[in-house]
């Protein structure tokens, strides 16, 4: 299985809510970076930090939050995906939607680093 296949599998698992399978492709000491200005912005290290700081807020704060990648480019240990986030923010009832790019670093079949690049201003319009 190639690195791009690993990342495609992670998105497929996330789409159906299979968090254990997502965590299965993340290294135990993963460095996960969500863009500053995004609701979950910050750097998280390890599975527990990613679940508590990223995954749980998305489930708790949004109805129908989706991550829809449209394209993948892989070279060596790096896979870049581009796509769209979308979800209805529960507190306001407004739909949050934004374009993203994700930069994944995969080594020996495990994701060791993730970096989010996102149009957080567009996404955050639904939060107020």
C-alpha atoms as a PDB file:
ATOM      1  CA  UNK A   1       0.000   0.000   0.000  1.00  0.00           C
ATOM      2  CA  UNK A   2       1.397   3.403  -1.003  1.00  0.00           C
ATOM      3  CA  UNK A   3       1.341   6.554   1.102  1.00  0.00           C
ATOM      4  CA  UNK A   4      -1.526   8.063  -0.885  1.00  0.00           C
ATOM      5  CA  UNK A   5      -3.542   4.887  -0.274  1.00  0.00           C
ATOM      6  CA  UNK A   6      -2.910   5.228   3.474  1.00  0.00           C
ATOM      7  CA  UNK A   7      -4.297   8.776   3.420  1.00  0.00           C
ATOM      8  CA  UNK A   8      -7.295   7.849   1.246  1.00  0.00           C
ATOM      9  CA  UNK A   9      -8.078   5.120   3.760  1.00  0.00           C
ATOM     10  CA  UNK A  10      -7.907   7.565   6.657  1.00  0.00           C
ATOM     11  CA  UNK A  11     -10.423   9.882   4.963  1.00  0.00           C
ATOM     12  CA  UNK A  12     -12.714   6.951   4.179  1.00  0.00           C
ATOM     13  CA  UNK A  13     -12.625   5.843   7.819  1.00  0.00           C
ATOM     14  CA  UNK A  14     -13.272   9.392   9.072  1.00  0.00           C
ATOM     15  CA  UNK A  15     -16.236   9.721   6.708  1.00  0.00           C
ATOM     16  CA  UNK A  16     -18.024   6.777   8.366  1.00  0.00           C
ATOM     17  CA  UNK A  17     -16.997   7.755  11.907  1.00  0.00           C
ATOM     18  CA  UNK A  18     -14.462   4.928  12.303  1.00  0.00           C
ATOM     19  CA  UNK A  19     -12.098   6.782  14.630  1.00  0.00           C
ATOM     20  CA  UNK A  20     -10.188   3.624  15.671  1.00  0.00           C
ATOM     21  CA  UNK A  21      -9.215   3.045  12.025  1.00  0.00           C
ATOM     22  CA  UNK A  22      -8.157   6.683  11.644  1.00  0.00           C
ATOM     23  CA  UNK A  23      -6.022   6.417  14.772  1.00  0.00           C
ATOM     24  CA  UNK A  24      -4.621   3.151  13.430  1.00  0.00           C
ATOM     25  CA  UNK A  25      -2.803   5.004  10.645  1.00  0.00           C
ATOM     26  CA  UNK A  26      -1.508   7.759  12.946  1.00  0.00           C
ATOM     27  CA  UNK A  27       1.817   7.233  14.685  1.00  0.00           C
ATOM     28  CA  UNK A  28       1.476   7.156  18.474  1.00  0.00           C
ATOM     29  CA  UNK A  29       3.479  10.394  18.710  1.00  0.00           C
ATOM     30  CA  UNK A  30       1.882  12.145  15.724  1.00  0.00           C
ATOM     31  CA  UNK A  31       2.327  15.886  15.434  1.00  0.00           C
ATOM     32  CA  UNK A  32      -1.047  17.304  14.303  1.00  0.00           C
ATOM     33  CA  UNK A  33      -1.181  20.989  13.383  1.00  0.00           C
ATOM     34  CA  UNK A  34      -4.507  22.738  12.812  1.00  0.00           C
ATOM     35  CA  UNK A  35      -4.254  26.260  11.415  1.00  0.00           C
ATOM     36  CA  UNK A  36      -4.320  29.198  13.795  1.00  0.00           C
ATOM     37  CA  UNK A  37      -7.658  30.951  13.484  1.00  0.00           C
ATOM     38  CA  UNK A  38      -9.531  27.683  12.857  1.00  0.00           C
ATOM     39  CA  UNK A  39     -11.805  26.631  15.749  1.00  0.00           C
ATOM     40  CA  UNK A  40      -9.462  23.733  16.605  1.00  0.00           C
ATOM     41  CA  UNK A  41      -6.276  25.670  15.817  1.00  0.00           C
ATOM     42  CA  UNK A  42      -3.118  24.551  17.556  1.00  0.00           C
ATOM     43  CA  UNK A  43      -0.544  21.789  17.691  1.00  0.00           C
ATOM     44  CA  UNK A  44      -1.488  18.417  19.160  1.00  0.00           C
ATOM     45  CA  UNK A  45       0.833  15.525  19.926  1.00  0.00           C
ATOM     46  CA  UNK A  46      -0.358  11.955  20.268  1.00  0.00           C
ATOM     47  CA  UNK A  47      -3.667  10.198  19.767  1.00  0.00           C
ATOM     48  CA  UNK A  48      -5.393  11.480  22.912  1.00  0.00           C
ATOM     49  CA  UNK A  49      -4.555  15.094  22.126  1.00  0.00           C
ATOM     50  CA  UNK A  50      -5.871  14.764  18.549  1.00  0.00           C
ATOM     51  CA  UNK A  51      -9.089  13.087  19.685  1.00  0.00           C
ATOM     52  CA  UNK A  52      -9.758  15.586  22.487  1.00  0.00           C
ATOM     53  CA  UNK A  53      -8.534  18.729  20.725  1.00  0.00           C
ATOM     54  CA  UNK A  54      -9.732  18.093  17.165  1.00  0.00           C
ATOM     55  CA  UNK A  55     -12.128  15.191  16.628  1.00  0.00           C
ATOM     56  CA  UNK A  56     -14.370  15.663  19.689  1.00  0.00           C
ATOM     57  CA  UNK A  57     -15.008  19.397  19.149  1.00  0.00           C
ATOM     58  CA  UNK A  58     -16.011  18.708  15.538  1.00  0.00           C
ATOM     59  CA  UNK A  59     -18.517  16.069  16.662  1.00  0.00           C
ATOM     60  CA  UNK A  60     -19.815  18.130  19.590  1.00  0.00           C
ATOM     61  CA  UNK A  61     -20.077  21.518  17.864  1.00  0.00           C
ATOM     62  CA  UNK A  62     -21.277  20.597  14.346  1.00  0.00           C
ATOM     63  CA  UNK A  63     -24.089  18.630  12.768  1.00  0.00           C
ATOM     64  CA  UNK A  64     -22.983  16.624   9.768  1.00  0.00           C
ATOM     65  CA  UNK A  65     -19.366  17.795   9.721  1.00  0.00           C
ATOM     66  CA  UNK A  66     -17.691  16.446   6.578  1.00  0.00           C
ATOM     67  CA  UNK A  67     -14.182  16.401   5.182  1.00  0.00           C
ATOM     68  CA  UNK A  68     -14.331  15.867   1.429  1.00  0.00           C
ATOM     69  CA  UNK A  69     -10.979  15.563  -0.319  1.00  0.00           C
ATOM     70  CA  UNK A  70     -11.094  16.095  -4.082  1.00  0.00           C
ATOM     71  CA  UNK A  71      -7.491  15.549  -5.150  1.00  0.00           C
ATOM     72  CA  UNK A  72      -4.301  13.946  -3.881  1.00  0.00           C
ATOM     73  CA  UNK A  73      -0.678  14.522  -4.817  1.00  0.00           C
ATOM     74  CA  UNK A  74       1.993  12.262  -3.398  1.00  0.00           C
ATOM     75  CA  UNK A  75       5.746  12.400  -3.570  1.00  0.00           C
ATOM     76  CA  UNK A  76       8.016  10.426  -1.279  1.00  0.00           C
ATOM     77  CA  UNK A  77       6.832  10.670   2.324  1.00  0.00           C
ATOM     78  CA  UNK A  78       4.497  13.602   1.570  1.00  0.00           C
ATOM     79  CA  UNK A  79       0.869  13.452   0.491  1.00  0.00           C
ATOM     80  CA  UNK A  80      -1.126  16.635  -0.100  1.00  0.00           C
ATOM     81  CA  UNK A  81      -4.891  16.586  -0.360  1.00  0.00           C
ATOM     82  CA  UNK A  82      -7.240  19.423  -1.225  1.00  0.00           C
ATOM     83  CA  UNK A  83     -10.955  19.549  -0.634  1.00  0.00           C
ATOM     84  CA  UNK A  84     -13.799  21.040   1.388  1.00  0.00           C
ATOM     85  CA  UNK A  85     -14.956  21.116   5.002  1.00  0.00           C
ATOM     86  CA  UNK A  86     -18.639  21.551   5.691  1.00  0.00           C
ATOM     87  CA  UNK A  87     -20.914  21.308   8.705  1.00  0.00           C
ATOM     88  CA  UNK A  88     -23.753  23.097  10.449  1.00  0.00           C
ATOM     89  CA  UNK A  89     -22.533  24.906  13.567  1.00  0.00           C
ATOM     90  CA  UNK A  90     -24.983  23.888  16.299  1.00  0.00           C
ATOM     91  CA  UNK A  91     -24.825  27.166  18.233  1.00  0.00           C
ATOM     92  CA  UNK A  92     -25.906  29.333  15.282  1.00  0.00           C
ATOM     93  CA  UNK A  93     -27.535  26.879  12.862  1.00  0.00           C
ATOM     94  CA  UNK A  94     -25.341  28.309  10.087  1.00  0.00           C
ATOM     95  CA  UNK A  95     -23.410  26.162   7.633  1.00  0.00           C
ATOM     96  CA  UNK A  96     -19.643  26.472   7.854  1.00  0.00           C
ATOM     97  CA  UNK A  97     -17.831  25.673   4.604  1.00  0.00           C
ATOM     98  CA  UNK A  98     -14.206  26.196   3.666  1.00  0.00           C
ATOM     99  CA  UNK A  99     -11.534  25.024   1.258  1.00  0.00           C
ATOM    100  CA  UNK A 100      -8.613  23.104   2.757  1.00  0.00           C
ATOM    101  CA  UNK A 101      -5.232  21.671   1.898  1.00  0.00           C
ATOM    102  CA  UNK A 102      -3.776  18.966   4.123  1.00  0.00           C
ATOM    103  CA  UNK A 103      -0.091  18.083   4.143  1.00  0.00           C
ATOM    104  CA  UNK A 104       0.530  14.579   5.462  1.00  0.00           C
ATOM    105  CA  UNK A 105       3.914  13.032   6.220  1.00  0.00           C
ATOM    106  CA  UNK A 106       3.829   9.233   6.105  1.00  0.00           C
ATOM    107  CA  UNK A 107       6.687   7.002   7.164  1.00  0.00           C
ATOM    108  CA  UNK A 108       6.526   3.204   7.181  1.00  0.00           C
ATOM    109  CA  UNK A 109       2.753   3.266   6.668  1.00  0.00           C
ATOM    110  CA  UNK A 110       2.057   5.610   9.606  1.00  0.00           C
ATOM    111  CA  UNK A 111       1.253   9.320   9.584  1.00  0.00           C
ATOM    112  CA  UNK A 112       3.902  11.087  11.644  1.00  0.00           C
ATOM    113  CA  UNK A 113       2.806  14.657  10.866  1.00  0.00           C
ATOM    114  CA  UNK A 114      -0.316  16.455   9.653  1.00  0.00           C
ATOM    115  CA  UNK A 115      -0.637  20.132   8.776  1.00  0.00           C
ATOM    116  CA  UNK A 116      -3.899  21.878   7.933  1.00  0.00           C
ATOM    117  CA  UNK A 117      -4.090  24.878   5.635  1.00  0.00           C
ATOM    118  CA  UNK A 118      -7.596  26.317   5.524  1.00  0.00           C
ATOM    119  CA  UNK A 119      -9.646  29.388   4.728  1.00  0.00           C
ATOM    120  CA  UNK A 120     -10.546  29.849   8.397  1.00  0.00           C
ATOM    121  CA  UNK A 121     -12.162  33.281   7.871  1.00  0.00           C
ATOM    122  CA  UNK A 122     -14.781  31.785   5.560  1.00  0.00           C
ATOM    123  CA  UNK A 123     -15.350  28.873   7.906  1.00  0.00           C
ATOM    124  CA  UNK A 124     -15.628  31.108  10.973  1.00  0.00           C
ATOM    125  CA  UNK A 125     -18.406  33.240   9.449  1.00  0.00           C
ATOM    126  CA  UNK A 126     -20.842  30.560  10.583  1.00  0.00           C
ATOM    127  CA  UNK A 127     -19.653  30.788  14.175  1.00  0.00           C
ATOM    128  CA  UNK A 128     -21.101  34.226  14.869  1.00  0.00           C
END
